[in-house]
Amino acid sequence: MTTIDGEGASNAPSYRRLTVKTVRDETDEARSFGLASEVGDAGLYNYRPGQFLTFRIPHDEGLIARSYSLSSAPCADPEMTVCVKRVINGRGSNWFNDHLRVGARIEATPPAGRFVMQEGDAPMFLFAGGSGITPCISLIKQALIETKRRVKLVYVNQNASSIIYREPLQRLERRFSDRFICEHWLDDREGLIEAPDIATAAEGWASANAYICGPGSLMDMAEETLSHVLGPEATILMERFVSPDDSSSEEITSHEPIASEPIEIENFRLTLDGNEFVVPIVGGQTLLDAALAAGIDAPCSCVEGHCGTCMALLREGDVSMASQKALSKRNIKRGCVLACQSTPSSSAPIWIDFDL
């Protein structure tokens, strides 16, 4: 186990400029933006399908951070592409759609995220709602072009006009008709999708890895249903983004009540990529802040609790989280925490494991 002296340099995410190369309407409410890095930065923006970029967006209140998934895949697309759908009162999503034009520049972190294809040759069952298709179509392209996996997508939308990437999905269906099934569920035609509908769609896919992205309540239902259908040991990955744009007032607070005064502990244990560290921490620091200050390359992106990149398993100790909205119910039950939102809430030794 490595003991850190606290003198390391910070590895907090750095922002670089990207240039908007293309803008394309996907629906009345969603646009795709093709992006290119600056000369010399291309290596920083190598990405895995399913990952996302965190953007720094100018606003009247100052710069705000928003994360958007890449819908492109290196094996299929020449440009990094994100698709952004308007959200009511969405400061980030509406700014993208109202202000970004070809030739504009915007700052973004290098790609991040764990919503990526798992090793092995298991089939893939993807469940997407609305703009949740963006990382899913990236994964679908990779699976169909680079592997021999069977793939099924269930894609939920309000109506036909709200289907994002309808034509690209149709092209993939024609090209890979022996391995790819795409089922559309439209609320105006079939009513709101329910758990039995998801269970029926997943029949015959018991050996699949599942990937879920969409509105929070829809994801929760899909997660619970697929956990039952595929079994408790099934691999189920979820991509959940939250931000102050969200209109919901619900806030899940923490594993423990937030202490009125910072709890002082000298250090905590951290596992990352099979390595063990003892990390110094001072009162008021989050676990992520302490790790970055110690020079540890802990996974992170937005550092505001929106994206879930810094999720870790709390193996020992007690923490308070300012927010855990970016965690799924399944991961909360497992004991996962967001390192960027977590501070010690007792003097008990803390151990977090990023290797999950």
Protein backbone atom coordinates (compact mmCIF):
# COMPACT_ATOMS: atom_id res chain seq x y z
CA MET A 1 0.00 0.00 0.00
CA THR A 2 1.33 3.43 -0.98
CA THR A 3 1.24 6.25 1.55
CA ILE A 4 0.84 9.67 -0.05
CA ASP A 5 2.43 12.72 1.56
CA GLY A 6 -0.13 15.14 0.17
CA GLU A 7 2.35 17.09 -1.97
CA GLY A 8 1.22 15.73 -5.32
CA ALA A 9 -0.06 17.96 -8.10
CA SER A 10 -3.80 18.15 -8.75
CA ASN A 11 -5.18 15.98 -11.56
CA ALA A 12 -8.49 17.85 -11.73
CA PRO A 13 -10.06 17.71 -15.21
CA SER A 14 -8.61 20.23 -17.64
CA TYR A 15 -10.67 21.97 -20.30
CA ARG A 16 -9.49 22.38 -23.89
CA ARG A 17 -11.11 24.11 -26.83
CA LEU A 18 -13.12 22.21 -29.41
CA THR A 19 -14.38 23.61 -32.71
CA VAL A 20 -17.88 22.95 -33.97
CA LYS A 21 -17.52 21.42 -37.45
CA THR A 22 -21.11 20.40 -38.15
CA VAL A 23 -24.59 21.09 -36.77
CA ARG A 24 -27.49 18.86 -37.71
CA ASP A 25 -31.12 18.83 -36.62
CA GLU A 26 -32.13 15.35 -35.43
CA THR A 27 -35.64 16.29 -34.25
CA ASP A 28 -37.45 19.56 -33.59
CA GLU A 29 -35.88 19.58 -30.12
CA ALA A 30 -32.50 17.90 -30.60
CA ARG A 31 -29.36 18.72 -32.54
CA SER A 32 -26.10 16.89 -33.16
CA PHE A 33 -22.84 18.81 -32.98
CA GLY A 34 -19.72 17.46 -34.68
CA LEU A 35 -16.59 18.54 -32.82
CA ALA A 36 -12.87 18.67 -33.58
CA SER A 37 -9.99 19.18 -31.17
CA GLU A 38 -7.20 21.72 -31.55
CA VAL A 39 -3.99 20.76 -33.31
CA GLY A 40 -1.89 18.83 -30.82
CA ASP A 41 -4.84 17.84 -28.62
CA ALA A 42 -6.17 14.96 -30.72
CA GLY A 43 -4.64 12.32 -28.48
CA LEU A 44 -6.43 13.75 -25.47
CA TYR A 45 -9.77 13.14 -27.16
CA ASN A 46 -9.41 9.48 -28.01
CA TYR A 47 -12.56 7.96 -26.60
CA ARG A 48 -14.40 4.72 -26.04
CA PRO A 49 -17.97 4.39 -27.32
CA GLY A 50 -20.41 5.23 -24.55
CA GLN A 51 -18.26 7.93 -22.95
CA PHE A 52 -19.11 11.63 -22.62
CA LEU A 53 -17.61 15.11 -22.64
CA THR A 54 -18.10 17.69 -19.92
CA PHE A 55 -18.48 21.19 -21.33
CA ARG A 56 -17.88 24.57 -19.74
CA ILE A 57 -20.77 26.77 -20.84
CA PRO A 58 -21.02 30.57 -20.44
CA HIS A 59 -24.12 31.76 -18.61
CA ASP A 60 -25.41 34.87 -16.88
CA GLU A 61 -24.62 33.17 -13.58
CA GLY A 62 -21.08 32.37 -14.70
CA LEU A 63 -19.55 29.28 -16.26
CA ILE A 64 -21.57 26.09 -15.74
CA ALA A 65 -20.54 22.48 -16.36
CA ARG A 66 -22.73 20.11 -18.33
CA SER A 67 -21.99 16.56 -19.51
CA TYR A 68 -23.26 15.19 -22.84
CA SER A 69 -22.70 11.71 -24.20
CA LEU A 70 -20.92 11.01 -27.46
CA SER A 71 -23.22 9.46 -30.03
CA SER A 72 -20.35 8.81 -32.43
CA ALA A 73 -18.01 5.81 -32.45
CA PRO A 74 -14.38 5.90 -33.68
CA CYS A 75 -14.99 2.83 -35.85
CA ALA A 76 -17.82 4.52 -37.75
CA ASP A 77 -17.63 8.30 -37.53
CA PRO A 78 -14.94 10.83 -38.54
CA GLU A 79 -15.91 13.39 -35.87
CA MET A 80 -16.72 13.34 -32.20
CA THR A 81 -20.44 14.04 -32.02
CA VAL A 82 -22.78 14.91 -29.17
CA CYS A 83 -26.54 15.24 -29.43
CA VAL A 84 -28.22 17.77 -27.14
CA LYS A 85 -31.98 17.87 -26.61
CA ARG A 86 -33.71 20.96 -25.30
CA VAL A 87 -34.90 20.77 -21.71
CA ILE A 88 -37.47 23.12 -20.15
CA ASN A 89 -35.45 25.77 -18.31
CA GLY A 90 -32.30 23.90 -19.32
CA ARG A 91 -29.47 26.40 -19.05
CA GLY A 92 -26.96 24.13 -20.76
CA SER A 93 -29.10 22.32 -23.32
CA ASN A 94 -30.86 25.47 -24.51
CA TRP A 95 -27.56 27.37 -24.76
CA PHE A 96 -26.19 24.63 -27.02
CA ASN A 97 -29.20 24.76 -29.32
CA ASP A 98 -29.52 28.56 -29.35
CA HIS A 99 -25.88 29.62 -29.65
CA LEU A 100 -23.58 26.95 -31.08
CA ARG A 101 -23.00 27.29 -34.81
CA VAL A 102 -20.43 25.90 -37.24
CA GLY A 103 -17.06 27.48 -36.50
CA ALA A 104 -17.85 28.26 -32.86
CA ARG A 105 -15.49 27.09 -30.13
CA ILE A 106 -16.38 25.59 -26.80
CA GLU A 107 -14.35 24.23 -23.91
CA ALA A 108 -14.61 20.57 -22.89
CA THR A 109 -12.77 18.03 -20.80
CA PRO A 110 -11.26 14.92 -22.37
CA PRO A 111 -13.71 11.99 -22.65
CA ALA A 112 -14.73 10.20 -19.46
CA GLY A 113 -17.26 7.68 -18.24
CA ARG A 114 -17.69 3.98 -17.46
CA PHE A 115 -20.75 3.30 -19.62
CA VAL A 116 -18.63 1.28 -22.03
CA MET A 117 -18.69 -2.17 -23.61
CA GLN A 118 -17.74 -4.89 -21.17
CA GLU A 119 -15.13 -7.50 -21.99
CA GLY A 120 -16.15 -10.86 -23.36
CA ASP A 121 -18.66 -11.79 -26.04
CA ALA A 122 -21.96 -11.52 -24.16
CA PRO A 123 -24.96 -10.25 -26.14
CA MET A 124 -26.05 -6.67 -25.43
CA PHE A 125 -29.53 -5.56 -24.39
CA LEU A 126 -29.92 -1.78 -24.46
CA PHE A 127 -32.84 0.19 -23.08
CA ALA A 128 -33.00 3.88 -23.98
CA GLY A 129 -35.49 6.69 -23.47
CA GLY A 130 -35.45 9.96 -25.40
CA SER A 131 -31.98 11.49 -25.60
CA GLY A 132 -30.67 8.45 -23.70
CA ILE A 133 -30.11 6.98 -27.16
CA THR A 134 -26.89 8.98 -27.55
CA PRO A 135 -24.42 6.72 -25.69
CA CYS A 136 -26.44 3.65 -26.67
CA ILE A 137 -26.10 4.19 -30.42
CA SER A 138 -22.37 4.68 -29.92
CA LEU A 139 -22.16 1.29 -28.19
CA ILE A 140 -24.37 -0.33 -30.82
CA LYS A 141 -22.08 0.81 -33.62
CA GLN A 142 -19.03 -0.58 -31.84
CA ALA A 143 -20.69 -3.92 -31.05
CA LEU A 144 -21.96 -4.46 -34.59
CA ILE A 145 -18.87 -3.26 -36.47
CA GLU A 146 -16.09 -4.50 -34.19
CA THR A 147 -17.60 -7.70 -32.73
CA LYS A 148 -19.98 -10.54 -33.58
CA ARG A 149 -22.30 -9.89 -30.64
CA ARG A 150 -26.06 -10.01 -30.87
CA VAL A 151 -27.63 -6.67 -29.96
CA LYS A 152 -31.16 -5.62 -29.05
CA LEU A 153 -32.34 -2.06 -28.47
CA VAL A 154 -35.65 -1.05 -26.89
CA TYR A 155 -36.09 2.68 -27.52
CA VAL A 156 -38.89 4.60 -25.79
CA ASN A 157 -40.21 7.95 -27.06
CA GLN A 158 -43.37 10.01 -26.81
CA ASN A 159 -44.10 9.79 -30.54
CA ALA A 160 -42.46 9.07 -33.89
CA SER A 161 -41.33 12.66 -34.41
CA SER A 162 -39.26 12.55 -31.21
CA ILE A 163 -37.12 9.57 -32.28
CA ILE A 164 -33.49 10.69 -32.38
CA TYR A 165 -31.21 8.96 -34.92
CA ARG A 166 -34.10 7.15 -36.55
CA GLU A 167 -32.43 6.85 -39.96
CA PRO A 168 -29.01 5.73 -38.63
CA LEU A 169 -30.77 3.04 -36.58
CA GLN A 170 -32.67 1.89 -39.68
CA ARG A 171 -29.41 1.67 -41.63
CA LEU A 172 -27.84 -0.43 -38.88
CA GLU A 173 -30.90 -2.70 -38.87
CA ARG A 174 -30.56 -3.29 -42.62
CA ARG A 175 -26.81 -3.80 -42.54
CA PHE A 176 -26.82 -6.12 -39.52
CA SER A 177 -30.24 -7.71 -39.84
CA ASP A 178 -28.93 -11.05 -38.55
CA ARG A 179 -27.61 -9.58 -35.28
CA PHE A 180 -29.45 -6.34 -34.50
CA ILE A 181 -33.03 -5.91 -33.30
CA CYS A 182 -34.43 -2.41 -32.77
CA GLU A 183 -37.84 -2.14 -31.11
CA HIS A 184 -39.49 1.27 -30.82
CA TRP A 185 -42.01 1.97 -28.06
CA LEU A 186 -44.12 5.08 -28.69
CA ASP A 187 -46.23 6.41 -25.83
CA ASP A 188 -48.89 7.94 -28.09
CA ARG A 189 -49.41 4.58 -29.77
CA GLU A 190 -48.94 2.06 -26.98
CA GLY A 191 -49.30 4.03 -23.75
CA LEU A 192 -46.62 4.41 -21.12
CA ILE A 193 -44.25 1.47 -20.95
CA GLU A 194 -44.48 -0.62 -17.80
CA ALA A 195 -42.32 -3.21 -16.07
CA PRO A 196 -44.08 -6.24 -17.66
CA ASP A 197 -43.42 -4.73 -21.11
CA ILE A 198 -39.71 -4.45 -20.35
CA ALA A 199 -39.66 -8.01 -19.00
CA THR A 200 -41.32 -9.29 -22.18
CA ALA A 201 -38.81 -7.43 -24.36
CA ALA A 202 -35.91 -9.00 -22.42
CA GLU A 203 -37.15 -12.58 -22.81
CA GLY A 204 -34.45 -14.71 -24.44
CA TRP A 205 -31.66 -12.31 -23.43
CA ALA A 206 -30.81 -13.79 -20.03
CA SER A 207 -27.10 -14.02 -20.91
CA ALA A 208 -26.87 -10.41 -22.07
CA ASN A 209 -25.13 -7.43 -20.54
CA ALA A 210 -27.66 -4.63 -20.09
CA TYR A 211 -27.15 -0.91 -20.75
CA ILE A 212 -29.74 1.68 -19.65
CA CYS A 213 -29.91 5.40 -20.33
CA GLY A 214 -32.86 7.79 -20.22
CA PRO A 215 -35.12 9.73 -17.83
CA GLY A 216 -34.55 8.86 -14.18
CA SER A 217 -37.88 7.20 -13.40
CA LEU A 218 -37.72 5.14 -16.59
CA MET A 219 -34.17 4.03 -15.76
CA ASP A 220 -35.18 3.02 -12.24
CA MET A 221 -38.01 0.86 -13.56
CA ALA A 222 -35.80 -0.72 -16.21
CA GLU A 223 -33.01 -1.38 -13.70
CA GLU A 224 -35.34 -3.08 -11.23
CA THR A 225 -37.06 -5.13 -13.95
CA LEU A 226 -33.87 -6.26 -15.68
CA SER A 227 -32.25 -7.11 -12.34
CA HIS A 228 -35.12 -9.55 -11.80
CA VAL A 229 -35.26 -10.89 -15.36
CA LEU A 230 -31.50 -11.22 -15.92
CA GLY A 231 -30.65 -12.28 -12.37
CA PRO A 232 -28.92 -10.59 -9.41
CA GLU A 233 -25.45 -11.25 -10.83
CA ALA A 234 -26.24 -9.71 -14.21
CA THR A 235 -24.06 -6.92 -15.56
CA ILE A 236 -26.27 -3.84 -15.74
CA LEU A 237 -24.70 -0.48 -16.59
CA MET A 238 -26.56 2.80 -16.31
CA GLU A 239 -25.67 6.27 -17.52
CA ARG A 240 -27.34 8.89 -15.34
CA PHE A 241 -26.77 12.63 -15.71
CA VAL A 242 -28.34 15.19 -13.40
CA SER A 243 -27.91 18.93 -13.15
CA PRO A 244 -29.54 22.06 -11.75
CA ASP A 245 -31.56 22.06 -15.00
CA ASP A 246 -33.61 19.20 -13.54
CA SER A 247 -36.99 20.40 -12.35
CA SER A 248 -37.38 17.66 -9.74
CA SER A 249 -37.02 18.90 -6.18
CA GLU A 250 -36.29 15.41 -4.86
CA GLU A 251 -32.83 15.17 -3.33
CA ILE A 252 -31.38 12.03 -1.81
CA THR A 253 -29.03 13.36 0.78
CA SER A 254 -26.45 10.95 2.11
CA HIS A 255 -25.42 7.73 3.78
CA GLU A 256 -25.26 9.66 7.05
CA PRO A 257 -26.66 13.07 8.08
CA ILE A 258 -24.37 15.87 7.01
CA ALA A 259 -22.31 16.98 9.99
CA SER A 260 -22.57 20.60 11.08
CA GLU A 261 -18.78 20.70 11.54
CA PRO A 262 -16.23 18.90 9.33
CA ILE A 263 -15.10 15.59 10.78
CA GLU A 264 -11.32 15.49 11.13
CA ILE A 265 -9.51 12.32 10.07
CA GLU A 266 -5.88 12.11 9.02
CA ASN A 267 -6.23 9.90 5.96
CA PHE A 268 -8.30 7.30 4.19
CA ARG A 269 -7.67 4.18 2.13
CA LEU A 270 -8.23 4.23 -1.62
CA THR A 271 -8.14 1.41 -4.18
CA LEU A 272 -7.62 2.24 -7.86
CA ASP A 273 -6.57 -0.03 -10.72
CA GLY A 274 -5.45 -2.71 -8.28
CA ASN A 275 -3.24 -0.29 -6.34
CA GLU A 276 -3.74 0.69 -2.70
CA PHE A 277 -3.12 4.22 -1.36
CA VAL A 278 -3.31 5.93 2.01
CA VAL A 279 -4.50 9.44 1.19
CA PRO A 280 -4.18 12.43 3.56
CA ILE A 281 -7.31 14.53 3.98
CA VAL A 282 -8.04 17.80 5.77
CA GLY A 283 -11.32 18.97 7.24
CA GLY A 284 -13.83 20.09 4.62
CA GLN A 285 -12.18 18.27 1.70
CA THR A 286 -14.19 15.77 -0.28
CA LEU A 287 -12.62 12.38 -0.84
CA LEU A 288 -12.09 13.27 -4.49
CA ASP A 289 -10.47 16.62 -3.69
CA ALA A 290 -8.06 14.88 -1.33
CA ALA A 291 -7.19 12.22 -3.89
CA LEU A 292 -6.57 14.75 -6.64
CA ALA A 293 -4.51 16.96 -4.34
CA ALA A 294 -2.37 13.92 -3.56
CA GLY A 295 -1.65 13.40 -7.25
CA ILE A 296 -3.84 10.32 -7.68
CA ASP A 297 -5.49 10.04 -11.10
CA ALA A 298 -8.92 9.27 -9.66
CA PRO A 299 -11.73 9.02 -12.22
CA CYS A 300 -13.68 12.27 -12.41
CA SER A 301 -15.18 14.68 -14.88
CA CYS A 302 -17.76 17.27 -13.83
CA VAL A 303 -16.69 17.21 -10.12
CA GLU A 304 -20.15 18.57 -9.26
CA GLY A 305 -22.08 15.33 -8.72
CA HIS A 306 -23.79 15.41 -12.11
CA CYS A 307 -22.13 12.63 -14.08
CA GLY A 308 -21.28 9.77 -11.72
CA THR A 309 -17.76 9.24 -13.08
CA CYS A 310 -16.25 9.34 -9.58
CA MET A 311 -18.49 6.56 -8.25
CA ALA A 312 -16.69 4.26 -5.81
CA LEU A 313 -17.66 1.48 -3.44
CA LEU A 314 -17.56 2.50 0.22
CA ARG A 315 -16.01 -0.60 1.76
CA GLU A 316 -15.46 0.87 5.23
CA GLY A 317 -16.39 3.98 7.17
CA ASP A 318 -19.10 6.63 7.08
CA VAL A 319 -19.53 9.53 4.68
CA SER A 320 -22.01 12.30 4.04
CA MET A 321 -22.91 13.14 0.46
CA ALA A 322 -24.19 16.55 -0.59
CA SER A 323 -26.01 14.77 -3.44
CA GLN A 324 -26.30 11.23 -4.74
CA LYS A 325 -28.79 11.80 -7.55
CA ALA A 326 -26.25 10.52 -10.09
CA LEU A 327 -26.33 7.08 -8.44
CA SER A 328 -28.87 4.44 -9.39
CA LYS A 329 -30.95 2.73 -6.71
CA ARG A 330 -29.05 -0.49 -7.37
CA ASN A 331 -25.68 1.19 -6.79
CA ILE A 332 -26.91 2.96 -3.66
CA LYS A 333 -28.00 -0.42 -2.32
CA ARG A 334 -24.56 -1.82 -3.13
CA GLY A 335 -22.97 0.91 -1.03
CA CYS A 336 -21.60 3.12 -3.78
CA VAL A 337 -20.79 6.80 -3.21
CA LEU A 338 -19.79 9.79 -5.30
CA ALA A 339 -16.28 10.75 -4.24
CA CYS A 340 -16.77 14.37 -5.34
CA GLN A 341 -19.76 14.70 -3.00
CA SER A 342 -18.46 12.66 -0.04
CA THR A 343 -16.91 13.91 3.19
CA PRO A 344 -16.19 11.92 6.37
CA SER A 345 -19.14 11.80 8.77
CA SER A 346 -17.47 9.90 11.62
CA SER A 347 -13.97 9.20 12.87
CA ALA A 348 -14.15 5.58 11.65
CA PRO A 349 -11.50 4.56 9.06
CA ILE A 350 -12.69 5.07 5.47
CA TRP A 351 -11.92 2.84 2.50
CA ILE A 352 -13.24 3.59 -0.99
CA ASP A 353 -12.72 1.30 -3.97
CA PHE A 354 -12.84 2.70 -7.49
CA ASP A 355 -12.37 -0.79 -8.92
CA LEU A 356 -15.90 -1.71 -7.77
